[in-house]
N, C-alpha and C. Protein backbone atom coordinates (compact mmCIF):
# COMPACT_ATOMS: atom_id res chain seq x y z
N MET A 1 -82.95 -70.26 -110.10
CA MET A 1 -82.33 -71.28 -109.27
C MET A 1 -80.94 -70.86 -108.83
N LYS A 2 -80.20 -70.22 -109.72
CA LYS A 2 -78.85 -69.78 -109.38
C LYS A 2 -78.89 -68.76 -108.25
N ASP A 3 -79.85 -67.85 -108.29
CA ASP A 3 -79.98 -66.85 -107.24
C ASP A 3 -80.33 -67.50 -105.91
N GLU A 4 -81.18 -68.53 -105.95
CA GLU A 4 -81.54 -69.25 -104.73
C GLU A 4 -80.30 -69.88 -104.11
N GLN A 5 -79.49 -70.51 -104.94
CA GLN A 5 -78.27 -71.15 -104.44
C GLN A 5 -77.29 -70.12 -103.89
N ALA A 6 -77.22 -68.96 -104.52
CA ALA A 6 -76.34 -67.90 -104.02
C ALA A 6 -76.80 -67.42 -102.65
N CYS A 7 -78.11 -67.31 -102.47
CA CYS A 7 -78.66 -66.89 -101.17
C CYS A 7 -78.39 -67.96 -100.11
N ILE A 8 -78.57 -69.21 -100.47
CA ILE A 8 -78.31 -70.30 -99.53
C ILE A 8 -76.84 -70.30 -99.14
N GLN A 9 -75.96 -70.13 -100.10
CA GLN A 9 -74.53 -70.12 -99.82
C GLN A 9 -74.15 -68.93 -98.94
N PHE A 10 -74.81 -67.79 -99.15
CA PHE A 10 -74.55 -66.62 -98.31
C PHE A 10 -74.92 -66.92 -96.86
N ILE A 11 -76.10 -67.51 -96.66
CA ILE A 11 -76.55 -67.86 -95.31
C ILE A 11 -75.60 -68.89 -94.69
N ARG A 12 -75.20 -69.88 -95.47
CA ARG A 12 -74.26 -70.90 -94.97
C ARG A 12 -72.93 -70.28 -94.54
N LYS A 13 -72.42 -69.35 -95.34
CA LYS A 13 -71.16 -68.68 -94.99
C LYS A 13 -71.34 -67.87 -93.71
N TYR A 14 -72.44 -67.15 -93.62
CA TYR A 14 -72.72 -66.36 -92.42
C TYR A 14 -72.78 -67.28 -91.19
N ALA A 15 -73.47 -68.40 -91.35
CA ALA A 15 -73.61 -69.34 -90.24
C ALA A 15 -72.26 -69.91 -89.83
N ASN A 16 -71.44 -70.27 -90.78
CA ASN A 16 -70.10 -70.78 -90.47
C ASN A 16 -69.24 -69.72 -89.80
N ASP A 17 -69.34 -68.49 -90.27
CA ASP A 17 -68.57 -67.39 -89.69
C ASP A 17 -68.99 -67.10 -88.25
N HIS A 18 -70.23 -67.43 -87.91
CA HIS A 18 -70.78 -67.15 -86.57
C HIS A 18 -71.10 -68.44 -85.81
N TYR A 19 -70.42 -69.50 -86.18
CA TYR A 19 -70.68 -70.84 -85.64
C TYR A 19 -70.70 -70.85 -84.11
N ASN A 20 -69.72 -70.23 -83.47
CA ASN A 20 -69.60 -70.26 -82.02
C ASN A 20 -70.50 -69.25 -81.31
N GLU A 21 -71.32 -68.57 -82.08
CA GLU A 21 -72.25 -67.59 -81.52
C GLU A 21 -73.69 -68.10 -81.60
N GLY A 22 -73.83 -69.42 -81.68
CA GLY A 22 -75.15 -70.02 -81.73
C GLY A 22 -75.57 -70.48 -83.11
N TRP A 23 -74.83 -70.05 -84.13
CA TRP A 23 -75.19 -70.41 -85.50
C TRP A 23 -74.82 -71.84 -85.85
N ASP A 24 -74.22 -72.57 -84.89
CA ASP A 24 -73.99 -74.00 -85.09
C ASP A 24 -75.31 -74.71 -85.37
N LEU A 25 -76.39 -74.17 -84.82
CA LEU A 25 -77.72 -74.73 -85.08
C LEU A 25 -78.01 -74.77 -86.58
N VAL A 26 -77.74 -73.69 -87.25
CA VAL A 26 -78.01 -73.61 -88.69
C VAL A 26 -77.04 -74.52 -89.45
N VAL A 27 -75.76 -74.48 -89.06
CA VAL A 27 -74.75 -75.29 -89.75
C VAL A 27 -75.08 -76.77 -89.63
N GLU A 28 -75.44 -77.20 -88.43
CA GLU A 28 -75.61 -78.63 -88.15
C GLU A 28 -77.01 -79.17 -88.45
N ALA A 29 -78.03 -78.31 -88.38
CA ALA A 29 -79.40 -78.83 -88.44
C ALA A 29 -80.22 -78.38 -89.65
N TYR A 30 -79.80 -77.35 -90.34
CA TYR A 30 -80.58 -76.85 -91.48
C TYR A 30 -79.99 -77.37 -92.78
N ASP A 31 -80.82 -78.01 -93.59
CA ASP A 31 -80.36 -78.40 -94.92
C ASP A 31 -80.76 -77.30 -95.90
N ASP A 32 -80.38 -77.47 -97.15
CA ASP A 32 -80.68 -76.43 -98.15
C ASP A 32 -82.18 -76.17 -98.27
N GLY A 33 -82.99 -77.21 -98.16
CA GLY A 33 -84.44 -77.04 -98.23
C GLY A 33 -84.96 -76.19 -97.09
N ASP A 34 -84.42 -76.38 -95.89
CA ASP A 34 -84.82 -75.56 -94.75
C ASP A 34 -84.46 -74.10 -94.98
N LEU A 35 -83.25 -73.88 -95.48
CA LEU A 35 -82.82 -72.50 -95.74
C LEU A 35 -83.63 -71.87 -96.85
N LEU A 36 -83.96 -72.64 -97.87
CA LEU A 36 -84.79 -72.14 -98.96
C LEU A 36 -86.17 -71.74 -98.44
N GLU A 37 -86.71 -72.53 -97.54
CA GLU A 37 -88.00 -72.20 -96.93
C GLU A 37 -87.91 -70.90 -96.13
N GLU A 38 -86.85 -70.76 -95.34
CA GLU A 38 -86.65 -69.53 -94.57
C GLU A 38 -86.54 -68.32 -95.51
N LEU A 39 -85.74 -68.48 -96.54
CA LEU A 39 -85.57 -67.39 -97.51
C LEU A 39 -86.88 -67.04 -98.19
N SER A 40 -87.65 -68.05 -98.57
CA SER A 40 -88.94 -67.82 -99.23
C SER A 40 -89.90 -67.06 -98.34
N GLU A 41 -89.89 -67.39 -97.04
CA GLU A 41 -90.78 -66.70 -96.09
C GLU A 41 -90.47 -65.22 -96.00
N HIS A 42 -89.25 -64.84 -96.36
CA HIS A 42 -88.84 -63.44 -96.26
C HIS A 42 -88.52 -62.85 -97.64
N ASN A 43 -89.15 -63.43 -98.66
CA ASN A 43 -89.01 -62.93 -100.04
C ASN A 43 -87.55 -62.78 -100.46
N PHE A 44 -86.72 -63.70 -99.99
CA PHE A 44 -85.30 -63.76 -100.33
C PHE A 44 -84.53 -62.51 -99.89
N ALA A 45 -85.05 -61.82 -98.89
CA ALA A 45 -84.34 -60.70 -98.29
C ALA A 45 -83.36 -61.29 -97.27
N LEU A 46 -82.08 -61.20 -97.58
CA LEU A 46 -81.07 -61.84 -96.73
C LEU A 46 -81.07 -61.29 -95.32
N LYS A 47 -81.15 -59.97 -95.19
CA LYS A 47 -81.11 -59.36 -93.86
C LYS A 47 -82.29 -59.86 -93.00
N LYS A 48 -83.48 -59.90 -93.56
CA LYS A 48 -84.65 -60.36 -92.83
C LYS A 48 -84.54 -61.84 -92.48
N THR A 49 -83.99 -62.62 -93.39
CA THR A 49 -83.81 -64.05 -93.14
C THR A 49 -82.82 -64.28 -92.01
N ILE A 50 -81.72 -63.56 -92.03
CA ILE A 50 -80.72 -63.67 -90.97
C ILE A 50 -81.32 -63.23 -89.64
N GLN A 51 -82.09 -62.15 -89.63
CA GLN A 51 -82.74 -61.70 -88.40
C GLN A 51 -83.69 -62.75 -87.86
N SER A 52 -84.44 -63.39 -88.73
CA SER A 52 -85.37 -64.43 -88.31
C SER A 52 -84.63 -65.63 -87.72
N LEU A 53 -83.57 -66.04 -88.39
CA LEU A 53 -82.77 -67.15 -87.87
C LEU A 53 -82.13 -66.78 -86.53
N GLN A 54 -81.71 -65.53 -86.40
CA GLN A 54 -81.12 -65.07 -85.13
C GLN A 54 -82.16 -65.15 -84.01
N GLU A 55 -83.40 -64.83 -84.31
CA GLU A 55 -84.46 -64.93 -83.30
C GLU A 55 -84.62 -66.39 -82.86
N THR A 56 -84.54 -67.32 -83.79
CA THR A 56 -84.62 -68.74 -83.45
C THR A 56 -83.43 -69.14 -82.59
N ILE A 57 -82.26 -68.68 -82.95
CA ILE A 57 -81.04 -68.97 -82.18
C ILE A 57 -81.15 -68.39 -80.77
N ASP A 58 -81.64 -67.17 -80.67
CA ASP A 58 -81.80 -66.53 -79.36
C ASP A 58 -82.80 -67.29 -78.49
N LEU A 59 -83.89 -67.75 -79.09
CA LEU A 59 -84.88 -68.52 -78.35
C LEU A 59 -84.27 -69.83 -77.86
N ARG A 60 -83.53 -70.49 -78.72
CA ARG A 60 -82.85 -71.73 -78.33
C ARG A 60 -81.92 -71.48 -77.14
N LYS A 61 -81.15 -70.41 -77.21
CA LYS A 61 -80.22 -70.07 -76.12
C LYS A 61 -80.98 -69.83 -74.83
N GLN A 62 -82.07 -69.09 -74.90
CA GLN A 62 -82.89 -68.80 -73.72
C GLN A 62 -83.45 -70.09 -73.12
N LEU A 63 -83.96 -70.96 -73.96
CA LEU A 63 -84.52 -72.22 -73.46
C LEU A 63 -83.44 -73.09 -72.83
N MET A 64 -82.26 -73.11 -73.41
CA MET A 64 -81.17 -73.89 -72.85
C MET A 64 -80.75 -73.33 -71.48
N GLU A 65 -80.70 -72.01 -71.38
CA GLU A 65 -80.33 -71.38 -70.10
C GLU A 65 -81.37 -71.68 -69.03
N GLU A 66 -82.65 -71.62 -69.39
CA GLU A 66 -83.71 -71.93 -68.44
C GLU A 66 -83.64 -73.39 -68.00
N HIS A 67 -83.38 -74.27 -68.94
CA HIS A 67 -83.26 -75.70 -68.62
C HIS A 67 -82.08 -75.94 -67.68
N GLN A 68 -80.96 -75.29 -67.94
CA GLN A 68 -79.79 -75.45 -67.09
C GLN A 68 -80.06 -74.91 -65.69
N ALA A 69 -80.77 -73.79 -65.58
CA ALA A 69 -81.11 -73.23 -64.27
C ALA A 69 -82.03 -74.17 -63.50
N GLU A 70 -83.00 -74.75 -64.19
CA GLU A 70 -83.89 -75.71 -63.54
C GLU A 70 -83.14 -76.94 -63.09
N ALA A 71 -82.20 -77.40 -63.89
CA ALA A 71 -81.41 -78.58 -63.54
C ALA A 71 -80.57 -78.31 -62.30
N LYS A 72 -80.01 -77.13 -62.20
CA LYS A 72 -79.20 -76.77 -61.02
C LYS A 72 -80.06 -76.72 -59.76
N GLN A 73 -81.29 -76.25 -59.90
CA GLN A 73 -82.19 -76.15 -58.74
C GLN A 73 -82.62 -77.52 -58.25
N SER A 74 -82.66 -78.50 -59.12
CA SER A 74 -83.15 -79.81 -58.72
C SER A 74 -82.08 -80.64 -58.00
N TYR A 75 -80.84 -80.15 -57.96
CA TYR A 75 -79.78 -80.89 -57.26
C TYR A 75 -79.69 -80.47 -55.84
């Protein structure tokens, strides 16, 4: 359990350090259970977990940009 909490805290620190780079999603929307699930999916490999979360952040950014482009076209 202690190792799980250390991994969660590492991800939280990383997310806070990169808050303005899209990681606000993790800071604001992921609770410890969500992070534990992400970590479990990657066998508690921090690098793989961060890469996976970055892919989610990148997808969110892409979808937001597409939505904004569509909104501009409709005006």
